[in-house]
Amino acid sequence: MLTILILARAHQDRPLSNESEMAIGRLRDTVSIITGGGGGIGSAAGLIFCREGGKVMLVDSDNDALQAAAERIRREVSAAQIATVRVDLGEEIAAQIAVDETLSQYGSVDILVNNVGIRRYEAMADMSWDQWDPIIRINLLSYTSMTRAALPSLRASGRGSIINTASINAFHSRGGTGAYDAMKAAVLAFTRTVAVEERQHNIRVNSVCPGYTLTSFHEKRLGQERLDSFLPSCIMQRWAAPEEVAYPMLWLASTEGSYITAAEFKIDGGYPMFPDEQQHIKPAEAD
């Protein structure tokens, strides 16, 4: 199991923006907004998008994480055009602030990555409306408010792409995280609806559904000993590195994904491996 974890960390620790690697400018002359930009998947997407020539605005409520992500990108991509805005997307007005700041910095928005998310670990029977509220605001309503605020610029772009981060747990039920899982399922329906409504503006809208992804959130929450002994119940039997979720986002953001819309991409290593191996899965540990 330790060997499997080392494989995941090898992916995670490899410099994503090694400039000796070939970047072909997939996102040249584009502007992206990435919410949850201080976190593992969001910051990995920001780095890869910059490496491919895009201008990127990272959005997060955690200023320390946000600045650390931006500094890492600047270190690893010498020509990176990266900016940040700190807002709480649990407030409706925050989306317009983020979009306005992006337009002030870069003049347009071509790509929106709705990636922010929070969790609670309670059974459905124990959750009051007050406990549901922040999950609904961040994990669903922020996607709607960011999309609404960015739509005028995305429509003007003529090549707009919206990428929404859902989860494999939109498809696979588990105990103890019902509010999180329900919102991720709602993101899938939201994605399909916006894809239909915005088709005449040539805006493509898709979702990615990560499985077990080894971010700092999980490293801090689970601890080293538990990570070393934990076997993800997927065919690949290891955690994904954030970049392994971010690269499919790059494809969807670029013209290479020009015929893809209203689609759901499971980036889960083949989860679940076998129905009779669910005992390997602790209810609150996936993605």
Protein backbone atom coordinates (compact mmCIF):
# COMPACT_ATOMS: atom_id res chain seq x y z
CA MET A 1 0.00 0.00 0.00
CA LEU A 2 2.89 2.34 0.72
CA THR A 3 4.20 1.73 -2.81
CA ILE A 4 0.82 2.71 -4.24
CA LEU A 5 0.79 5.92 -2.20
CA ILE A 6 4.32 6.75 -3.37
CA LEU A 7 3.11 6.42 -6.98
CA ALA A 8 0.42 9.01 -6.33
CA ARG A 9 2.87 11.33 -4.63
CA ALA A 10 5.30 10.94 -7.51
CA HIS A 11 2.61 12.33 -9.80
CA GLN A 12 1.71 15.05 -7.30
CA ASP A 13 5.28 16.18 -6.60
CA ARG A 14 6.50 16.22 -10.20
CA PRO A 15 6.80 19.85 -11.38
CA LEU A 16 3.72 20.44 -13.49
CA SER A 17 5.29 23.30 -15.36
CA ASN A 18 8.74 21.99 -16.15
CA GLU A 19 9.44 24.32 -19.04
CA SER A 20 11.64 21.73 -20.70
CA GLU A 21 8.37 19.91 -21.37
CA MET A 22 6.54 20.88 -24.52
CA ALA A 23 3.62 23.23 -24.00
CA ILE A 24 1.90 24.01 -27.26
CA GLY A 25 -0.10 27.06 -26.27
CA ARG A 26 -3.50 25.41 -26.08
CA LEU A 27 -4.88 28.38 -24.14
CA ARG A 28 -2.98 31.19 -25.81
CA ASP A 29 -5.07 34.41 -25.96
CA THR A 30 -7.60 33.12 -23.43
CA VAL A 31 -8.61 34.28 -19.95
CA SER A 32 -9.70 31.79 -17.30
CA ILE A 33 -11.31 32.19 -13.89
CA ILE A 34 -10.72 29.28 -11.50
CA THR A 35 -12.60 29.17 -8.21
CA GLY A 36 -11.15 27.19 -5.36
CA GLY A 37 -7.86 28.36 -6.86
CA GLY A 38 -5.91 28.01 -3.64
CA GLY A 39 -6.70 24.31 -3.32
CA GLY A 40 -5.14 21.23 -4.83
CA ILE A 41 -7.15 20.78 -8.04
CA GLY A 42 -7.72 24.51 -8.58
CA SER A 43 -4.08 25.48 -8.18
CA ALA A 44 -2.98 22.58 -10.40
CA ALA A 45 -5.39 23.78 -13.09
CA GLY A 46 -4.09 27.32 -12.74
CA LEU A 47 -0.52 26.18 -13.21
CA ILE A 48 -1.30 24.02 -16.25
CA PHE A 49 -3.46 26.72 -17.84
CA CYS A 50 -0.63 29.25 -17.42
CA ARG A 51 1.87 26.83 -18.86
CA GLU A 52 -0.36 26.55 -21.94
CA GLY A 53 -0.27 30.31 -22.44
CA GLY A 54 -3.52 31.33 -20.77
CA LYS A 55 -4.14 34.26 -18.48
CA VAL A 56 -5.57 33.05 -15.17
CA MET A 57 -7.49 34.58 -12.28
CA LEU A 58 -7.45 32.40 -9.15
CA VAL A 59 -10.38 32.93 -6.77
CA ASP A 60 -10.46 31.71 -3.17
CA SER A 61 -11.49 32.79 0.32
CA ASP A 62 -8.20 31.59 1.86
CA ASN A 63 -5.73 34.34 1.10
CA ASP A 64 -2.68 32.41 2.34
CA ALA A 65 -3.48 29.42 0.11
CA LEU A 66 -4.30 31.75 -2.77
CA GLN A 67 -1.00 33.61 -2.59
CA ALA A 68 0.98 30.40 -2.13
CA ALA A 69 -0.63 28.95 -5.28
CA ALA A 70 0.09 32.10 -7.28
CA GLU A 71 3.71 32.23 -6.12
CA ARG A 72 4.25 28.61 -7.02
CA ILE A 73 2.90 29.26 -10.52
CA ARG A 74 5.17 32.28 -10.95
CA ARG A 75 8.17 30.22 -9.86
CA GLU A 76 7.42 27.35 -12.21
CA VAL A 77 6.15 29.28 -15.25
CA SER A 78 8.41 32.24 -15.92
CA ALA A 79 5.96 33.96 -18.28
CA ALA A 80 2.84 33.22 -16.22
CA GLN A 81 0.07 35.78 -16.35
CA ILE A 82 -1.59 35.04 -13.04
CA ALA A 83 -3.72 37.20 -10.74
CA THR A 84 -5.76 36.52 -7.61
CA VAL A 85 -8.88 37.79 -5.94
CA ARG A 86 -9.95 36.90 -2.42
CA VAL A 87 -13.71 36.65 -1.98
CA ASP A 88 -16.19 34.47 -0.09
CA LEU A 89 -18.29 32.81 -2.77
CA GLY A 90 -20.88 31.94 -0.14
CA GLU A 91 -22.08 35.51 -0.70
CA GLU A 92 -23.92 36.21 -3.96
CA ILE A 93 -22.20 39.53 -4.68
CA ALA A 94 -18.76 37.90 -4.53
CA ALA A 95 -19.13 36.36 -7.98
CA GLN A 96 -19.61 39.72 -9.65
CA ILE A 97 -16.63 41.11 -7.74
CA ALA A 98 -14.47 38.24 -9.01
CA VAL A 99 -15.60 38.69 -12.61
CA ASP A 100 -15.24 42.47 -12.49
CA GLU A 101 -11.69 42.12 -11.16
CA THR A 102 -10.88 39.69 -13.97
CA LEU A 103 -12.25 42.08 -16.58
CA SER A 104 -10.27 44.92 -15.02
CA GLN A 105 -7.05 42.87 -15.17
CA TYR A 106 -7.48 41.06 -18.48
CA GLY A 107 -10.45 42.51 -20.35
CA SER A 108 -12.40 39.30 -21.02
CA VAL A 109 -13.40 35.86 -19.75
CA ASP A 110 -13.23 32.83 -22.05
CA ILE A 111 -13.10 29.97 -19.55
CA LEU A 112 -14.78 29.50 -16.18
CA VAL A 113 -13.79 26.66 -13.86
CA ASN A 114 -16.25 26.31 -10.99
CA ASN A 115 -14.20 24.27 -8.57
CA VAL A 116 -14.77 25.60 -5.06
CA GLY A 117 -16.23 23.24 -2.48
CA ILE A 118 -16.63 22.57 1.25
CA ARG A 119 -17.73 19.53 3.25
CA ARG A 120 -19.67 18.49 6.30
CA TYR A 121 -19.56 15.06 7.89
CA GLU A 122 -23.00 14.39 9.33
CA ALA A 123 -25.75 11.92 8.60
CA MET A 124 -28.74 13.37 6.78
CA ALA A 125 -30.91 12.74 9.83
CA ASP A 126 -28.70 15.02 11.91
CA MET A 127 -28.44 18.03 9.58
CA SER A 128 -30.48 21.14 10.26
CA TRP A 129 -31.23 23.78 7.62
CA ASP A 130 -28.50 25.94 9.16
CA GLN A 131 -26.00 23.15 8.51
CA TRP A 132 -27.20 22.67 4.94
CA ASP A 133 -26.96 26.37 4.15
CA PRO A 134 -23.17 26.81 3.68
CA ILE A 135 -22.95 23.58 1.63
CA ILE A 136 -25.71 24.78 -0.70
CA ARG A 137 -24.22 28.28 -0.97
CA ILE A 138 -20.65 27.21 -1.77
CA ASN A 139 -21.09 23.89 -3.57
CA LEU A 140 -24.02 24.87 -5.79
CA LEU A 141 -25.09 28.51 -5.60
CA SER A 142 -21.54 29.78 -6.15
CA TYR A 143 -21.55 27.87 -9.43
CA THR A 144 -24.77 29.56 -10.46
CA SER A 145 -23.65 33.05 -9.43
CA MET A 146 -20.22 32.72 -11.05
CA THR A 147 -21.81 31.43 -14.25
CA ARG A 148 -24.36 34.24 -14.31
CA ALA A 149 -21.74 36.91 -13.69
CA ALA A 150 -19.37 35.52 -16.35
CA LEU A 151 -21.97 34.82 -19.05
CA PRO A 152 -21.86 38.22 -20.80
CA SER A 153 -18.12 37.89 -21.37
CA LEU A 154 -18.33 34.17 -22.17
CA ARG A 155 -20.99 34.93 -24.79
CA ALA A 156 -18.88 37.69 -26.28
CA SER A 157 -15.92 35.34 -26.47
CA GLY A 158 -17.57 33.09 -29.05
CA ARG A 159 -15.59 30.14 -27.66
CA GLY A 160 -16.67 30.05 -24.03
CA SER A 161 -16.09 26.97 -21.91
CA ILE A 162 -17.47 26.28 -18.43
CA ILE A 163 -16.04 23.38 -16.45
CA ASN A 164 -17.80 22.37 -13.25
CA THR A 165 -16.18 20.15 -10.65
CA ALA A 166 -18.63 17.54 -9.41
CA SER A 167 -17.58 14.20 -7.87
CA ILE A 168 -17.85 10.46 -8.33
CA ASN A 169 -20.06 10.65 -5.28
CA ALA A 170 -22.74 12.25 -7.41
CA PHE A 171 -23.15 8.68 -8.71
CA HIS A 172 -22.17 6.46 -5.77
CA SER A 173 -23.99 6.82 -2.47
CA ARG A 174 -22.14 6.75 0.84
CA GLY A 175 -23.00 7.56 4.41
CA GLY A 176 -22.06 10.65 6.34
CA THR A 177 -21.65 13.17 3.53
CA GLY A 178 -25.15 13.34 2.08
CA ALA A 179 -25.26 17.13 1.74
CA TYR A 180 -21.96 17.22 -0.18
CA ASP A 181 -23.00 14.33 -2.43
CA ALA A 182 -26.43 15.84 -3.11
CA MET A 183 -24.88 19.13 -4.20
CA LYS A 184 -22.46 17.33 -6.50
CA ALA A 185 -25.39 15.55 -8.14
CA ALA A 186 -27.11 18.91 -8.52
CA VAL A 187 -23.99 20.27 -10.27
CA LEU A 188 -24.42 17.61 -12.97
CA ALA A 189 -27.99 18.71 -13.66
CA PHE A 190 -26.94 22.36 -13.60
CA THR A 191 -24.19 21.60 -16.11
CA ARG A 192 -26.56 19.96 -18.59
CA THR A 193 -29.12 22.74 -18.29
CA VAL A 194 -26.64 25.56 -18.90
CA ALA A 195 -25.19 23.61 -21.85
CA VAL A 196 -28.65 23.59 -23.47
CA GLU A 197 -29.48 27.19 -22.64
CA GLU A 198 -26.16 28.62 -23.87
CA ARG A 199 -25.70 26.51 -27.02
CA GLN A 200 -26.63 29.43 -29.31
CA HIS A 201 -23.73 31.40 -27.83
CA ASN A 202 -21.24 28.60 -28.55
CA ILE A 203 -20.57 28.10 -24.83
CA ARG A 204 -19.66 24.54 -23.98
CA VAL A 205 -20.47 23.33 -20.45
CA ASN A 206 -19.07 20.13 -18.97
CA SER A 207 -18.34 18.57 -15.61
CA VAL A 208 -15.46 16.56 -14.22
CA CYS A 209 -16.06 14.04 -11.46
CA PRO A 210 -12.89 13.32 -9.46
CA GLY A 211 -12.40 10.24 -7.37
CA TYR A 212 -9.74 9.80 -4.71
CA THR A 213 -7.50 12.86 -5.17
CA LEU A 214 -4.51 13.39 -2.91
CA THR A 215 -4.76 17.03 -1.93
CA SER A 216 -3.38 18.74 1.16
CA PHE A 217 -6.94 18.67 2.55
CA HIS A 218 -6.84 14.87 2.73
CA GLU A 219 -3.23 14.75 3.91
CA LYS A 220 -4.07 16.99 6.86
CA ARG A 221 -7.39 15.32 7.63
CA LEU A 222 -6.35 11.69 7.41
CA GLY A 223 -2.75 11.88 8.60
CA GLN A 224 0.30 10.05 7.31
CA GLU A 225 -0.30 6.73 9.05
CA ARG A 226 -3.83 6.40 7.73
CA LEU A 227 -2.81 7.45 4.22
CA ASP A 228 -0.03 4.85 4.20
CA SER A 229 -2.46 2.06 5.04
CA PHE A 230 -5.44 3.17 2.96
CA LEU A 231 -6.16 1.43 -0.34
CA PRO A 232 -8.51 3.33 -2.69
CA SER A 233 -11.11 0.91 -4.04
CA CYS A 234 -10.59 1.66 -7.70
CA ILE A 235 -9.01 -0.32 -10.50
CA MET A 236 -5.79 1.72 -10.39
CA GLN A 237 -5.59 1.24 -6.59
CA ARG A 238 -3.98 4.60 -5.88
CA TRP A 239 -4.85 8.22 -5.29
CA ALA A 240 -4.89 10.70 -8.16
CA ALA A 241 -2.60 13.69 -8.07
CA PRO A 242 -4.42 17.01 -8.58
CA GLU A 243 -2.78 17.45 -11.98
CA GLU A 244 -4.47 14.25 -13.17
CA VAL A 245 -7.80 16.01 -12.72
CA ALA A 246 -6.51 19.32 -14.07
CA TYR A 247 -5.28 17.93 -17.41
CA PRO A 248 -8.77 16.82 -18.48
CA MET A 249 -9.92 20.33 -17.53
CA LEU A 250 -7.29 21.71 -19.90
CA TRP A 251 -8.62 19.55 -22.71
CA LEU A 252 -12.19 20.71 -22.08
CA ALA A 253 -11.06 24.35 -21.91
CA SER A 254 -9.15 24.15 -25.18
CA THR A 255 -10.36 23.89 -28.77
CA GLU A 256 -9.40 20.21 -28.65
CA GLY A 257 -12.69 19.69 -26.79
CA SER A 258 -14.70 21.76 -29.26
CA TYR A 259 -17.38 19.10 -29.87
CA ILE A 260 -17.87 18.25 -26.20
CA THR A 261 -20.73 19.73 -24.17
CA ALA A 262 -23.19 18.57 -21.49
CA ALA A 263 -20.77 15.72 -20.72
CA GLU A 264 -19.66 14.19 -17.41
CA PHE A 265 -16.11 12.91 -17.12
CA LYS A 266 -15.33 10.44 -14.33
CA ILE A 267 -11.69 10.89 -13.38
CA ASP A 268 -11.70 8.16 -10.78
CA GLY A 269 -9.17 5.47 -11.61
CA GLY A 270 -12.00 3.05 -12.33
CA TYR A 271 -14.16 3.42 -9.23
CA PRO A 272 -15.58 1.27 -7.74
CA MET A 273 -13.41 -1.72 -8.53
CA PHE A 274 -15.72 -4.46 -7.26
CA PRO A 275 -19.03 -4.09 -5.40
CA ASP A 276 -17.90 -6.69 -2.84
CA GLU A 277 -14.83 -4.63 -1.95
CA GLN A 278 -16.72 -1.68 -0.50
CA GLN A 279 -15.37 -2.59 2.94
CA HIS A 280 -12.13 -0.93 1.83
CA ILE A 281 -13.89 2.44 1.56
CA LYS A 282 -14.41 4.59 4.61
CA PRO A 283 -17.59 6.60 3.93
CA ALA A 284 -16.11 10.10 4.04
CA GLU A 285 -12.79 9.56 2.29
CA ALA A 286 -13.47 9.59 -1.46
CA ASP A 287 -12.42 12.57 -3.60
